[in-house]
Amino acid sequence: EVQLVESGGGLVQAGGSLRLSCAASGFTLDEYFIGWFRQAPGKEREGISCIHSTDGNTYYEDSMKERFTISRDNANNTVYLQMSELKPEDTAVYYCAGVEAVGGFGCVVDSDLYDYWGQGTQVTVSS
């Protein structure tokens, strides 16, 4: 059974930084994608970034490239999202999601393509 557990959310002042973690377990294949998404109150879920579990290739939504960095620690099966220069509009519940990688394609942050989701972690940025 695939499990994804996010951690690292919290309250931070505007301009600050946070690092979110996503601990992954239970994937059948060695190759999978982990994506980060967020959903603010009253808004649709939006994609941030994703990473391949073995080759480390990444993808970012254009609006997320400057202040968000995705990385992985394969020894601990953990994917991170480093967020910097946070703004009040970054306030949202942040989710990691996973899907097994097949076909040699790169990842994209289309939530419809992901099969497994964590419970989310709240990030609140105060002004």
Foldseek 3Di string as FASTA:
>chain_A
DKAWAKDWADEAAQQAKTKMKIAIDDDPDQWKKKWKWWDAPPGDIDTAKMAINPPGDMDGDPVRPPFWDWGDDNVRNMIMIIGGSDDQVVWTWMKMFMDGDPDPDDDDGDVVRTDGIHPTDTHGYHD
